[in-house]
Amino acid sequence: MTMLYNALRTEADPELTDQKNEAIRELAAQNHFFHNCMVTFHHPEEFNPIGMVEFIYKDHTALKAFYTVYIQDNLLRVSLVTLDMVRLIDANIQSFLQKLEAYSFIKDNTQALTT
């Protein structure tokens, strides 16, 4: 019980927390365009680290997922999960958008090969 209690009381370095909040703002500041898809990160209220991501394709198909910006081992990370909480991408903040784009490209090519 004491270990859990102490772990729950532990807070991140305030500077890292500020960087996390800034990363959330930056993701939501603009639409991101990957191949045939526009990705919009919806800014969570009151810096809640879990937000919604919307993927809108050129054929007007829309899909949604969750994202979270979090601190692990004094590093900022971003995770993209489905609405059923299946983790698709988990990366440091610097490489997240590149991994998202690469994942999008792989899926687009796979779909093109199977249809």
PDB file of N, CA and C in Angstrom:
ATOM      1  N   MET A   1       0.832  -1.196   0.000  1.00  0.00           N
ATOM      2  CA  MET A   1       0.000   0.000   0.000  1.00  0.00           C
ATOM      3  C   MET A   1       0.872   1.255   0.000  1.00  0.00           C
ATOM      4  N   THR A   2       1.937   1.252   0.788  1.00  0.00           N
ATOM      5  CA  THR A   2       2.799   2.421   0.878  1.00  0.00           C
ATOM      6  C   THR A   2       3.435   2.735  -0.470  1.00  0.00           C
ATOM      7  N   MET A   3       3.860   1.698  -1.208  1.00  0.00           N
ATOM      8  CA  MET A   3       4.484   1.928  -2.510  1.00  0.00           C
ATOM      9  C   MET A   3       3.496   2.574  -3.473  1.00  0.00           C
ATOM     10  N   LEU A   4       2.265   2.071  -3.509  1.00  0.00           N
ATOM     11  CA  LEU A   4       1.252   2.652  -4.386  1.00  0.00           C
ATOM     12  C   LEU A   4       0.954   4.084  -3.963  1.00  0.00           C
ATOM     13  N   TYR A   5       0.810   4.302  -2.687  1.00  0.00           N
ATOM     14  CA  TYR A   5       0.546   5.636  -2.172  1.00  0.00           C
ATOM     15  C   TYR A   5       1.640   6.612  -2.586  1.00  0.00           C
ATOM     16  N   ASN A   6       2.895   6.228  -2.417  1.00  0.00           N
ATOM     17  CA  ASN A   6       4.012   7.099  -2.793  1.00  0.00           C
ATOM     18  C   ASN A   6       4.072   7.311  -4.298  1.00  0.00           C
ATOM     19  N   ALA A   7       3.784   6.265  -5.062  1.00  0.00           N
ATOM     20  CA  ALA A   7       3.799   6.397  -6.519  1.00  0.00           C
ATOM     21  C   ALA A   7       2.719   7.364  -6.995  1.00  0.00           C
ATOM     22  N   LEU A   8       1.549   7.291  -6.398  1.00  0.00           N
ATOM     23  CA  LEU A   8       0.456   8.187  -6.790  1.00  0.00           C
ATOM     24  C   LEU A   8       0.723   9.626  -6.378  1.00  0.00           C
ATOM     25  N   ARG A   9       1.493   9.833  -5.339  1.00  0.00           N
ATOM     26  CA  ARG A   9       1.828  11.189  -4.896  1.00  0.00           C
ATOM     27  C   ARG A   9       2.935  11.817  -5.725  1.00  0.00           C
ATOM     28  N   THR A  10       3.695  10.991  -6.435  1.00  0.00           N
ATOM     29  CA  THR A  10       4.829  11.490  -7.216  1.00  0.00           C
ATOM     30  C   THR A  10       4.322  12.314  -8.390  1.00  0.00           C
ATOM     31  N   GLU A  11       4.909  13.464  -8.572  1.00  0.00           N
ATOM     32  CA  GLU A  11       4.553  14.313  -9.690  1.00  0.00           C
ATOM     33  C   GLU A  11       5.779  14.538 -10.556  1.00  0.00           C
ATOM     34  N   ALA A  12       5.530  14.805 -11.812  1.00  0.00           N
ATOM     35  CA  ALA A  12       6.620  15.035 -12.760  1.00  0.00           C
ATOM     36  C   ALA A  12       7.259  16.395 -12.501  1.00  0.00           C
ATOM     37  N   ASP A  13       8.439  16.543 -12.998  1.00  0.00           N
ATOM     38  CA  ASP A  13       9.149  17.815 -12.959  1.00  0.00           C
ATOM     39  C   ASP A  13       8.256  18.875 -13.612  1.00  0.00           C
ATOM     40  N   PRO A  14       8.026  20.010 -12.948  1.00  0.00           N
ATOM     41  CA  PRO A  14       7.153  21.049 -13.517  1.00  0.00           C
ATOM     42  C   PRO A  14       7.577  21.513 -14.921  1.00  0.00           C
ATOM     43  N   GLU A  15       8.877  21.514 -15.192  1.00  0.00           N
ATOM     44  CA  GLU A  15       9.335  21.907 -16.527  1.00  0.00           C
ATOM     45  C   GLU A  15       8.879  20.895 -17.576  1.00  0.00           C
ATOM     46  N   LEU A  16       8.940  19.608 -17.245  1.00  0.00           N
ATOM     47  CA  LEU A  16       8.455  18.577 -18.165  1.00  0.00           C
ATOM     48  C   LEU A  16       6.947  18.667 -18.353  1.00  0.00           C
ATOM     49  N   THR A  17       6.250  18.978 -17.291  1.00  0.00           N
ATOM     50  CA  THR A  17       4.798  19.146 -17.391  1.00  0.00           C
ATOM     51  C   THR A  17       4.465  20.310 -18.319  1.00  0.00           C
ATOM     52  N   ASP A  18       5.197  21.393 -18.201  1.00  0.00           N
ATOM     53  CA  ASP A  18       4.988  22.528 -19.111  1.00  0.00           C
ATOM     54  C   ASP A  18       5.279  22.132 -20.553  1.00  0.00           C
ATOM     55  N   GLN A  19       6.334  21.351 -20.760  1.00  0.00           N
ATOM     56  CA  GLN A  19       6.667  20.884 -22.109  1.00  0.00           C
ATOM     57  C   GLN A  19       5.573  19.962 -22.651  1.00  0.00           C
ATOM     58  N   LYS A  20       5.001  19.145 -21.790  1.00  0.00           N
ATOM     59  CA  LYS A  20       3.901  18.260 -22.195  1.00  0.00           C
ATOM     60  C   LYS A  20       2.708  19.090 -22.646  1.00  0.00           C
ATOM     61  N   ASN A  21       2.360  20.110 -21.878  1.00  0.00           N
ATOM     62  CA  ASN A  21       1.235  20.976 -22.244  1.00  0.00           C
ATOM     63  C   ASN A  21       1.505  21.706 -23.554  1.00  0.00           C
ATOM     64  N   GLU A  22       2.741  22.134 -23.765  1.00  0.00           N
ATOM     65  CA  GLU A  22       3.108  22.800 -25.017  1.00  0.00           C
ATOM     66  C   GLU A  22       3.018  21.823 -26.187  1.00  0.00           C
ATOM     67  N   ALA A  23       3.431  20.584 -25.981  1.00  0.00           N
ATOM     68  CA  ALA A  23       3.342  19.571 -27.043  1.00  0.00           C
ATOM     69  C   ALA A  23       1.893  19.322 -27.435  1.00  0.00           C
ATOM     70  N   ILE A  24       1.005  19.284 -26.461  1.00  0.00           N
ATOM     71  CA  ILE A  24      -0.427  19.120 -26.747  1.00  0.00           C
ATOM     72  C   ILE A  24      -0.920  20.280 -27.594  1.00  0.00           C
ATOM     73  N   ARG A  25      -0.541  21.491 -27.218  1.00  0.00           N
ATOM     74  CA  ARG A  25      -0.953  22.681 -27.990  1.00  0.00           C
ATOM     75  C   ARG A  25      -0.408  22.628 -29.410  1.00  0.00           C
ATOM     76  N   GLU A  26       0.840  22.221 -29.567  1.00  0.00           N
ATOM     77  CA  GLU A  26       1.456  22.173 -30.896  1.00  0.00           C
ATOM     78  C   GLU A  26       0.790  21.140 -31.799  1.00  0.00           C
ATOM     79  N   LEU A  27       0.454  19.978 -31.252  1.00  0.00           N
ATOM     80  CA  LEU A  27      -0.229  18.965 -32.062  1.00  0.00           C
ATOM     81  C   LEU A  27      -1.577  19.492 -32.560  1.00  0.00           C
ATOM     82  N   ALA A  28      -2.283  20.208 -31.686  1.00  0.00           N
ATOM     83  CA  ALA A  28      -3.624  20.692 -32.032  1.00  0.00           C
ATOM     84  C   ALA A  28      -3.606  22.013 -32.800  1.00  0.00           C
ATOM     85  N   ALA A  29      -2.450  22.628 -32.958  1.00  0.00           N
ATOM     86  CA  ALA A  29      -2.373  23.957 -33.570  1.00  0.00           C
ATOM     87  C   ALA A  29      -2.664  23.961 -35.066  1.00  0.00           C
ATOM     88  N   GLN A  30      -2.454  22.831 -35.722  1.00  0.00           N
ATOM     89  CA  GLN A  30      -2.653  22.802 -37.170  1.00  0.00           C
ATOM     90  C   GLN A  30      -3.097  21.417 -37.604  1.00  0.00           C
ATOM     91  N   ASN A  31      -3.694  21.353 -38.787  1.00  0.00           N
ATOM     92  CA  ASN A  31      -4.022  20.068 -39.388  1.00  0.00           C
ATOM     93  C   ASN A  31      -2.752  19.488 -39.992  1.00  0.00           C
ATOM     94  N   HIS A  32      -2.648  18.190 -39.972  1.00  0.00           N
ATOM     95  CA  HIS A  32      -1.492  17.493 -40.532  1.00  0.00           C
ATOM     96  C   HIS A  32      -1.978  16.695 -41.736  1.00  0.00           C
ATOM     97  N   PHE A  33      -1.248  16.773 -42.841  1.00  0.00           N
ATOM     98  CA  PHE A  33      -1.648  16.100 -44.066  1.00  0.00           C
ATOM     99  C   PHE A  33      -0.674  14.983 -44.392  1.00  0.00           C
ATOM    100  N   PHE A  34      -1.201  13.763 -44.488  1.00  0.00           N
ATOM    101  CA  PHE A  34      -0.403  12.589 -44.824  1.00  0.00           C
ATOM    102  C   PHE A  34      -1.082  11.870 -45.974  1.00  0.00           C
ATOM    103  N   HIS A  35      -0.420  11.815 -47.115  1.00  0.00           N
ATOM    104  CA  HIS A  35      -0.887  11.061 -48.274  1.00  0.00           C
ATOM    105  C   HIS A  35      -2.320  11.478 -48.630  1.00  0.00           C
ATOM    106  N   ASN A  36      -3.301  10.633 -48.418  1.00  0.00           N
ATOM    107  CA  ASN A  36      -4.677  10.977 -48.770  1.00  0.00           C
ATOM    108  C   ASN A  36      -5.525  11.277 -47.532  1.00  0.00           C
ATOM    109  N   CYS A  37      -4.885  11.752 -46.485  1.00  0.00           N
ATOM    110  CA  CYS A  37      -5.569  11.895 -45.201  1.00  0.00           C
ATOM    111  C   CYS A  37      -5.193  13.199 -44.500  1.00  0.00           C
ATOM    112  N   MET A  38      -6.196  13.848 -43.907  1.00  0.00           N
ATOM    113  CA  MET A  38      -5.954  15.007 -43.053  1.00  0.00           C
ATOM    114  C   MET A  38      -6.168  14.555 -41.603  1.00  0.00           C
ATOM    115  N   VAL A  39      -5.197  14.848 -40.750  1.00  0.00           N
ATOM    116  CA  VAL A  39      -5.250  14.431 -39.350  1.00  0.00           C
ATOM    117  C   VAL A  39      -5.405  15.674 -38.481  1.00  0.00           C
ATOM    118  N   THR A  40      -6.423  15.645 -37.628  1.00  0.00           N
ATOM    119  CA  THR A  40      -6.680  16.764 -36.722  1.00  0.00           C
ATOM    120  C   THR A  40      -6.658  16.264 -35.286  1.00  0.00           C
ATOM    121  N   PHE A  41      -5.777  16.839 -34.491  1.00  0.00           N
ATOM    122  CA  PHE A  41      -5.708  16.528 -33.066  1.00  0.00           C
ATOM    123  C   PHE A  41      -6.589  17.541 -32.344  1.00  0.00           C
ATOM    124  N   HIS A  42      -7.616  17.048 -31.683  1.00  0.00           N
ATOM    125  CA  HIS A  42      -8.510  17.934 -30.946  1.00  0.00           C
ATOM    126  C   HIS A  42      -7.937  18.166 -29.554  1.00  0.00           C
ATOM    127  N   HIS A  43      -7.789  19.436 -29.223  1.00  0.00           N
ATOM    128  CA  HIS A  43      -7.163  19.858 -27.975  1.00  0.00           C
ATOM    129  C   HIS A  43      -8.052  19.506 -26.791  1.00  0.00           C
ATOM    130  N   PRO A  44      -7.545  18.710 -25.882  1.00  0.00           N
ATOM    131  CA  PRO A  44      -8.347  18.368 -24.704  1.00  0.00           C
ATOM    132  C   PRO A  44      -8.499  19.564 -23.772  1.00  0.00           C
ATOM    133  N   GLU A  45      -9.573  19.575 -23.038  1.00  0.00           N
ATOM    134  CA  GLU A  45      -9.837  20.670 -22.104  1.00  0.00           C
ATOM    135  C   GLU A  45      -8.914  20.580 -20.895  1.00  0.00           C
ATOM    136  N   GLU A  46      -8.523  21.729 -20.418  1.00  0.00           N
ATOM    137  CA  GLU A  46      -7.728  21.849 -19.191  1.00  0.00           C
ATOM    138  C   GLU A  46      -6.489  20.958 -19.208  1.00  0.00           C
ATOM    139  N   PHE A  47      -5.876  20.821 -20.348  1.00  0.00           N
ATOM    140  CA  PHE A  47      -4.632  20.077 -20.500  1.00  0.00           C
ATOM    141  C   PHE A  47      -4.757  18.625 -20.073  1.00  0.00           C
ATOM    142  N   ASN A  48      -5.957  18.069 -20.216  1.00  0.00           N
ATOM    143  CA  ASN A  48      -6.115  16.636 -20.038  1.00  0.00           C
ATOM    144  C   ASN A  48      -5.218  15.967 -21.067  1.00  0.00           C
ATOM    145  N   PRO A  49      -4.367  15.035 -20.680  1.00  0.00           N
ATOM    146  CA  PRO A  49      -3.405  14.470 -21.635  1.00  0.00           C
ATOM    147  C   PRO A  49      -4.017  13.522 -22.660  1.00  0.00           C
ATOM    148  N   ILE A  50      -5.303  13.184 -22.534  1.00  0.00           N
ATOM    149  CA  ILE A  50      -5.946  12.304 -23.503  1.00  0.00           C
ATOM    150  C   ILE A  50      -6.871  13.134 -24.380  1.00  0.00           C
ATOM    151  N   GLY A  51      -6.661  13.038 -25.684  1.00  0.00           N
ATOM    152  CA  GLY A  51      -7.472  13.787 -26.632  1.00  0.00           C
ATOM    153  C   GLY A  51      -7.965  12.895 -27.754  1.00  0.00           C
ATOM    154  N   MET A  52      -8.739  13.480 -28.644  1.00  0.00           N
ATOM    155  CA  MET A  52      -9.303  12.772 -29.780  1.00  0.00           C
ATOM    156  C   MET A  52      -8.564  13.186 -31.047  1.00  0.00           C
ATOM    157  N   VAL A  53      -8.336  12.226 -31.927  1.00  0.00           N
ATOM    158  CA  VAL A  53      -7.713  12.481 -33.220  1.00  0.00           C
ATOM    159  C   VAL A  53      -8.724  12.088 -34.280  1.00  0.00           C
ATOM    160  N   GLU A  54      -8.860  12.942 -35.283  1.00  0.00           N
ATOM    161  CA  GLU A  54      -9.784  12.646 -36.376  1.00  0.00           C
ATOM    162  C   GLU A  54      -8.993  12.520 -37.667  1.00  0.00           C
ATOM    163  N   PHE A  55      -9.250  11.451 -38.396  1.00  0.00           N
ATOM    164  CA  PHE A  55      -8.619  11.189 -39.687  1.00  0.00           C
ATOM    165  C   PHE A  55      -9.695  11.339 -40.751  1.00  0.00           C
ATOM    166  N   ILE A  56      -9.518  12.287 -41.652  1.00  0.00           N
ATOM    167  CA  ILE A  56     -10.493  12.499 -42.726  1.00  0.00           C
ATOM    168  C   ILE A  56      -9.787  12.233 -44.045  1.00  0.00           C
ATOM    169  N   TYR A  57     -10.314  11.269 -44.782  1.00  0.00           N
ATOM    170  CA  TYR A  57      -9.715  10.864 -46.049  1.00  0.00           C
ATOM    171  C   TYR A  57     -10.340  11.628 -47.207  1.00  0.00           C
ATOM    172  N   LYS A  58      -9.658  11.610 -48.337  1.00  0.00           N
ATOM    173  CA  LYS A  58     -10.125  12.358 -49.507  1.00  0.00           C
ATOM    174  C   LYS A  58     -11.513  11.930 -49.957  1.00  0.00           C
ATOM    175  N   ASP A  59     -11.876  10.679 -49.708  1.00  0.00           N
ATOM    176  CA  ASP A  59     -13.222  10.218 -50.083  1.00  0.00           C
ATOM    177  C   ASP A  59     -14.257  10.566 -49.006  1.00  0.00           C
ATOM    178  N   HIS A  60     -13.870  11.418 -48.038  1.00  0.00           N
ATOM    179  CA  HIS A  60     -14.710  11.927 -46.942  1.00  0.00           C
ATOM    180  C   HIS A  60     -15.008  10.886 -45.867  1.00  0.00           C
ATOM    181  N   THR A  61     -14.317   9.763 -45.912  1.00  0.00           N
ATOM    182  CA  THR A  61     -14.407   8.804 -44.818  1.00  0.00           C
ATOM    183  C   THR A  61     -13.710   9.417 -43.610  1.00  0.00           C
ATOM    184  N   ALA A  62     -14.328   9.279 -42.445  1.00  0.00           N
ATOM    185  CA  ALA A  62     -13.729   9.833 -41.225  1.00  0.00           C
ATOM    186  C   ALA A  62     -13.591   8.725 -40.185  1.00  0.00           C
ATOM    187  N   LEU A  63     -12.439   8.698 -39.537  1.00  0.00           N
ATOM    188  CA  LEU A  63     -12.170   7.757 -38.451  1.00  0.00           C
ATOM    189  C   LEU A  63     -11.640   8.533 -37.260  1.00  0.00           C
ATOM    190  N   LYS A  64     -11.835   7.998 -36.085  1.00  0.00           N
ATOM    191  CA  LYS A  64     -11.354   8.665 -34.873  1.00  0.00           C
ATOM    192  C   LYS A  64     -10.519   7.705 -34.039  1.00  0.00           C
ATOM    193  N   ALA A  65      -9.653   8.293 -33.242  1.00  0.00           N
ATOM    194  CA  ALA A  65      -8.810   7.542 -32.313  1.00  0.00           C
ATOM    195  C   ALA A  65      -8.507   8.456 -31.132  1.00  0.00           C
ATOM    196  N   PHE A  66      -7.856   7.902 -30.123  1.00  0.00           N
ATOM    197  CA  PHE A  66      -7.405   8.687 -28.976  1.00  0.00           C
ATOM    198  C   PHE A  66      -5.899   8.889 -29.070  1.00  0.00           C
ATOM    199  N   TYR A  67      -5.448   9.979 -28.503  1.00  0.00           N
ATOM    200  CA  TYR A  67      -4.003  10.164 -28.338  1.00  0.00           C
ATOM    201  C   TYR A  67      -3.759  10.657 -26.925  1.00  0.00           C
ATOM    202  N   THR A  68      -2.574  10.374 -26.452  1.00  0.00           N
ATOM    203  CA  THR A  68      -2.181  10.880 -25.144  1.00  0.00           C
ATOM    204  C   THR A  68      -0.730  11.321 -25.198  1.00  0.00           C
ATOM    205  N   VAL A  69      -0.452  12.415 -24.545  1.00  0.00           N
ATOM    206  CA  VAL A  69       0.913  12.901 -24.385  1.00  0.00           C
ATOM    207  C   VAL A  69       1.256  12.658 -22.922  1.00  0.00           C
ATOM    208  N   TYR A  70       2.341  11.945 -22.691  1.00  0.00           N
ATOM    209  CA  TYR A  70       2.665  11.587 -21.314  1.00  0.00           C
ATOM    210  C   TYR A  70       4.174  11.617 -21.089  1.00  0.00           C
ATOM    211  N   ILE A  71       4.549  11.541 -19.834  1.00  0.00           N
ATOM    212  CA  ILE A  71       5.951  11.568 -19.433  1.00  0.00           C
ATOM    213  C   ILE A  71       6.329  10.180 -18.935  1.00  0.00           C
ATOM    214  N   GLN A  72       7.423   9.637 -19.502  1.00  0.00           N
ATOM    215  CA  GLN A  72       7.940   8.350 -19.041  1.00  0.00           C
ATOM    216  C   GLN A  72       9.459   8.437 -19.010  1.00  0.00           C
ATOM    217  N   ASP A  73      10.034   8.120 -17.896  1.00  0.00           N
ATOM    218  CA  ASP A  73      11.490   8.178 -17.712  1.00  0.00           C
ATOM    219  C   ASP A  73      12.050   9.549 -18.106  1.00  0.00           C
ATOM    220  N   ASN A  74      11.354  10.593 -17.696  1.00  0.00           N
ATOM    221  CA  ASN A  74      11.741  11.985 -17.965  1.00  0.00           C
ATOM    222  C   ASN A  74      11.796  12.321 -19.450  1.00  0.00           C
ATOM    223  N   LEU A  75      11.023  11.614 -20.260  1.00  0.00           N
ATOM    224  CA  LEU A  75      10.901  11.902 -21.687  1.00  0.00           C
ATOM    225  C   LEU A  75       9.434  12.086 -22.035  1.00  0.00           C
ATOM    226  N   LEU A  76       9.169  12.963 -22.997  1.00  0.00           N
ATOM    227  CA  LEU A  76       7.806  13.142 -23.482  1.00  0.00           C
ATOM    228  C   LEU A  76       7.519  12.103 -24.554  1.00  0.00           C
ATOM    229  N   ARG A  77       6.378  11.444 -24.432  1.00  0.00           N
ATOM    230  CA  ARG A  77       5.972  10.428 -25.395  1.00  0.00           C
ATOM    231  C   ARG A  77       4.538  10.691 -25.837  1.00  0.00           C
ATOM    232  N   VAL A  78       4.201  10.181 -27.014  1.00  0.00           N
ATOM    233  CA  VAL A  78       2.837  10.292 -27.535  1.00  0.00           C
ATOM    234  C   VAL A  78       2.396   8.891 -27.940  1.00  0.00           C
ATOM    235  N   SER A  79       1.180   8.567 -27.585  1.00  0.00           N
ATOM    236  CA  SER A  79       0.620   7.274 -27.930  1.00  0.00           C
ATOM    237  C   SER A  79      -0.676   7.491 -28.703  1.00  0.00           C
ATOM    238  N   LEU A  80      -0.863   6.708 -29.757  1.00  0.00           N
ATOM    239  CA  LEU A  80      -2.092   6.728 -30.543  1.00  0.00           C
ATOM    240  C   LEU A  80      -2.771   5.387 -30.350  1.00  0.00           C
ATOM    241  N   VAL A  81      -4.030   5.415 -29.908  1.00  0.00           N
ATOM    242  CA  VAL A  81      -4.770   4.174 -29.667  1.00  0.00           C
ATOM    243  C   VAL A  81      -6.129   4.252 -30.336  1.00  0.00           C
ATOM    244  N   THR A  82      -6.659   3.087 -30.685  1.00  0.00           N
ATOM    245  CA  THR A  82      -7.988   3.026 -31.285  1.00  0.00           C
ATOM    246  C   THR A  82      -9.032   3.346 -30.214  1.00  0.00           C
ATOM    247  N   LEU A  83     -10.272   3.464 -30.642  1.00  0.00           N
ATOM    248  CA  LEU A  83     -11.344   3.710 -29.676  1.00  0.00           C
ATOM    249  C   LEU A  83     -11.532   2.538 -28.722  1.00  0.00           C
ATOM    250  N   ASP A  84     -11.034   1.363 -29.112  1.00  0.00           N
ATOM    251  CA  ASP A  84     -11.061   0.186 -28.234  1.00  0.00           C
ATOM    252  C   ASP A  84      -9.781   0.055 -27.417  1.00  0.00           C
ATOM    253  N   MET A  85      -8.953   1.105 -27.434  1.00  0.00           N
ATOM    254  CA  MET A  85      -7.718   1.181 -26.661  1.00  0.00           C
ATOM    255  C   MET A  85      -6.640   0.201 -27.127  1.00  0.00           C
ATOM    256  N   VAL A  86      -6.611  -0.110 -28.423  1.00  0.00           N
ATOM    257  CA  VAL A  86      -5.527  -0.898 -29.001  1.00  0.00           C
ATOM    258  C   VAL A  86      -4.441   0.082 -29.421  1.00  0.00           C
ATOM    259  N   ARG A  87      -3.239  -0.080 -28.878  1.00  0.00           N
ATOM    260  CA  ARG A  87      -2.144   0.849 -29.147  1.00  0.00           C
ATOM    261  C   ARG A  87      -1.608   0.620 -30.561  1.00  0.00           C
ATOM    262  N   LEU A  88      -1.584   1.701 -31.351  1.00  0.00           N
ATOM    263  CA  LEU A  88      -1.064   1.643 -32.709  1.00  0.00           C
ATOM    264  C   LEU A  88       0.344   2.201 -32.796  1.00  0.00           C
ATOM    265  N   ILE A  89       0.569   3.319 -32.131  1.00  0.00           N
ATOM    266  CA  ILE A  89       1.878   3.968 -32.154  1.00  0.00           C
ATOM    267  C   ILE A  89       2.187   4.458 -30.746  1.00  0.00           C
ATOM    268  N   ASP A  90       3.423   4.294 -30.336  1.00  0.00           N
ATOM    269  CA  ASP A  90       3.901   4.848 -29.078  1.00  0.00           C
ATOM    270  C   ASP A  90       5.332   5.291 -29.336  1.00  0.00           C
ATOM    271  N   ALA A  91       5.562   6.599 -29.318  1.00  0.00           N
ATOM    272  CA  ALA A  91       6.879   7.111 -29.715  1.00  0.00           C
ATOM    273  C   ALA A  91       7.209   8.367 -28.927  1.00  0.00           C
ATOM    274  N   ASN A  92       8.499   8.732 -28.948  1.00  0.00           N
ATOM    275  CA  ASN A  92       8.863   9.995 -28.308  1.00  0.00           C
ATOM    276  C   ASN A  92       8.282  11.141 -29.131  1.00  0.00           C
ATOM    277  N   ILE A  93       8.153  12.275 -28.507  1.00  0.00           N
ATOM    278  CA  ILE A  93       7.473  13.412 -29.122  1.00  0.00           C
ATOM    279  C   ILE A  93       8.152  13.859 -30.421  1.00  0.00           C
ATOM    280  N   GLN A  94       9.468  13.719 -30.496  1.00  0.00           N
ATOM    281  CA  GLN A  94      10.199  14.180 -31.671  1.00  0.00           C
ATOM    282  C   GLN A  94       9.909  13.326 -32.906  1.00  0.00           C
ATOM    283  N   SER A  95       9.625  12.046 -32.722  1.00  0.00           N
ATOM    284  CA  SER A  95       9.432  11.169 -33.878  1.00  0.00           C
ATOM    285  C   SER A  95       7.987  10.738 -34.101  1.00  0.00           C
ATOM    286  N   PHE A  96       7.069  11.195 -33.268  1.00  0.00           N
ATOM    287  CA  PHE A  96       5.684  10.726 -33.368  1.00  0.00           C
ATOM    288  C   PHE A  96       5.050  11.015 -34.732  1.00  0.00           C
ATOM    289  N   LEU A  97       5.133  12.255 -35.202  1.00  0.00           N
ATOM    290  CA  LEU A  97       4.479  12.595 -36.471  1.00  0.00           C
ATOM    291  C   LEU A  97       5.096  11.831 -37.637  1.00  0.00           C
ATOM    292  N   GLN A  98       6.407  11.606 -37.613  1.00  0.00           N
ATOM    293  CA  GLN A  98       7.045  10.827 -38.674  1.00  0.00           C
ATOM    294  C   GLN A  98       6.553   9.377 -38.640  1.00  0.00           C
ATOM    295  N   LYS A  99       6.410   8.830 -37.438  1.00  0.00           N
ATOM    296  CA  LYS A  99       5.909   7.458 -37.328  1.00  0.00           C
ATOM    297  C   LYS A  99       4.455   7.380 -37.760  1.00  0.00           C
ATOM    298  N   LEU A 100       3.672   8.400 -37.439  1.00  0.00           N
ATOM    299  CA  LEU A 100       2.281   8.439 -37.871  1.00  0.00           C
ATOM    300  C   LEU A 100       2.203   8.486 -39.393  1.00  0.00           C
ATOM    301  N   GLU A 101       3.029   9.296 -40.005  1.00  0.00           N
ATOM    302  CA  GLU A 101       3.047   9.381 -41.459  1.00  0.00           C
ATOM    303  C   GLU A 101       3.498   8.056 -42.082  1.00  0.00           C
ATOM    304  N   ALA A 102       4.538   7.447 -41.534  1.00  0.00           N
ATOM    305  CA  ALA A 102       5.023   6.168 -42.054  1.00  0.00           C
ATOM    306  C   ALA A 102       3.957   5.090 -41.903  1.00  0.00           C
ATOM    307  N   TYR A 103       3.285   5.061 -40.778  1.00  0.00           N
ATOM    308  CA  TYR A 103       2.216   4.083 -40.545  1.00  0.00           C
ATOM    309  C   TYR A 103       1.092   4.293 -41.545  1.00  0.00           C
ATOM    310  N   SER A 104       0.746   5.540 -41.775  1.00  0.00           N
ATOM    311  CA  SER A 104      -0.299   5.880 -42.743  1.00  0.00           C
ATOM    312  C   SER A 104       0.100   5.408 -44.135  1.00  0.00           C
ATOM    313  N   PHE A 105       1.364   5.614 -44.499  1.00  0.00           N
ATOM    314  CA  PHE A 105       1.845   5.241 -45.825  1.00  0.00           C
ATOM    315  C   PHE A 105       1.813   3.723 -45.992  1.00  0.00           C
ATOM    316  N   ILE A 106       2.242   2.979 -44.969  1.00  0.00           N
ATOM    317  CA  ILE A 106       2.220   1.520 -45.034  1.00  0.00           C
ATOM    318  C   ILE A 106       0.790   1.031 -45.211  1.00  0.00           C
ATOM    319  N   LYS A 107      -0.132   1.587 -44.453  1.00  0.00           N
ATOM    320  CA  LYS A 107      -1.523   1.161 -44.547  1.00  0.00           C
ATOM    321  C   LYS A 107      -2.102   1.502 -45.914  1.00  0.00           C
ATOM    322  N   ASP A 108      -1.772   2.687 -46.444  1.00  0.00           N
ATOM    323  CA  ASP A 108      -2.268   3.073 -47.768  1.00  0.00           C
ATOM    324  C   ASP A 108      -1.757   2.117 -48.831  1.00  0.00           C
ATOM    325  N   ASN A 109      -0.481   1.763 -48.778  1.00  0.00           N
ATOM    326  CA  ASN A 109       0.098   0.853 -49.762  1.00  0.00           C
ATOM    327  C   ASN A 109      -0.478  -0.550 -49.626  1.00  0.00           C
ATOM    328  N   THR A 110      -0.659  -1.011 -48.396  1.00  0.00           N
ATOM    329  CA  THR A 110      -1.221  -2.336 -48.181  1.00  0.00           C
ATOM    330  C   THR A 110      -2.633  -2.397 -48.729  1.00  0.00           C
ATOM    331  N   GLN A 111      -3.397  -1.356 -48.456  1.00  0.00           N
ATOM    332  CA  GLN A 111      -4.774  -1.325 -48.945  1.00  0.00           C
ATOM    333  C   GLN A 111      -4.785  -1.282 -50.475  1.00  0.00           C
ATOM    334  N   ALA A 112      -3.878  -0.522 -51.065  1.00  0.00           N
ATOM    335  CA  ALA A 112      -3.822  -0.423 -52.511  1.00  0.00           C
ATOM    336  C   ALA A 112      -3.451  -1.767 -53.127  1.00  0.00           C
ATOM    337  N   LEU A 113      -2.610  -2.540 -52.455  1.00  0.00           N
ATOM    338  CA  LEU A 113      -2.209  -3.830 -52.986  1.00  0.00           C
ATOM    339  C   LEU A 113      -3.315  -4.878 -52.868  1.00  0.00           C
ATOM    340  N   THR A 114      -4.190  -4.745 -51.895  1.00  0.00           N
ATOM    341  CA  THR A 114      -5.225  -5.749 -51.690  1.00  0.00           C
ATOM    342  C   THR A 114      -6.535  -5.414 -52.374  1.00  0.00           C
ATOM    343  N   THR A 115      -6.690  -4.199 -52.858  1.00  0.00           N
ATOM    344  CA  THR A 115      -7.961  -3.862 -53.521  1.00  0.00           C
ATOM    345  C   THR A 115      -7.826  -3.837 -55.015  1.00  0.00           C
TER     346      THR A 115
END
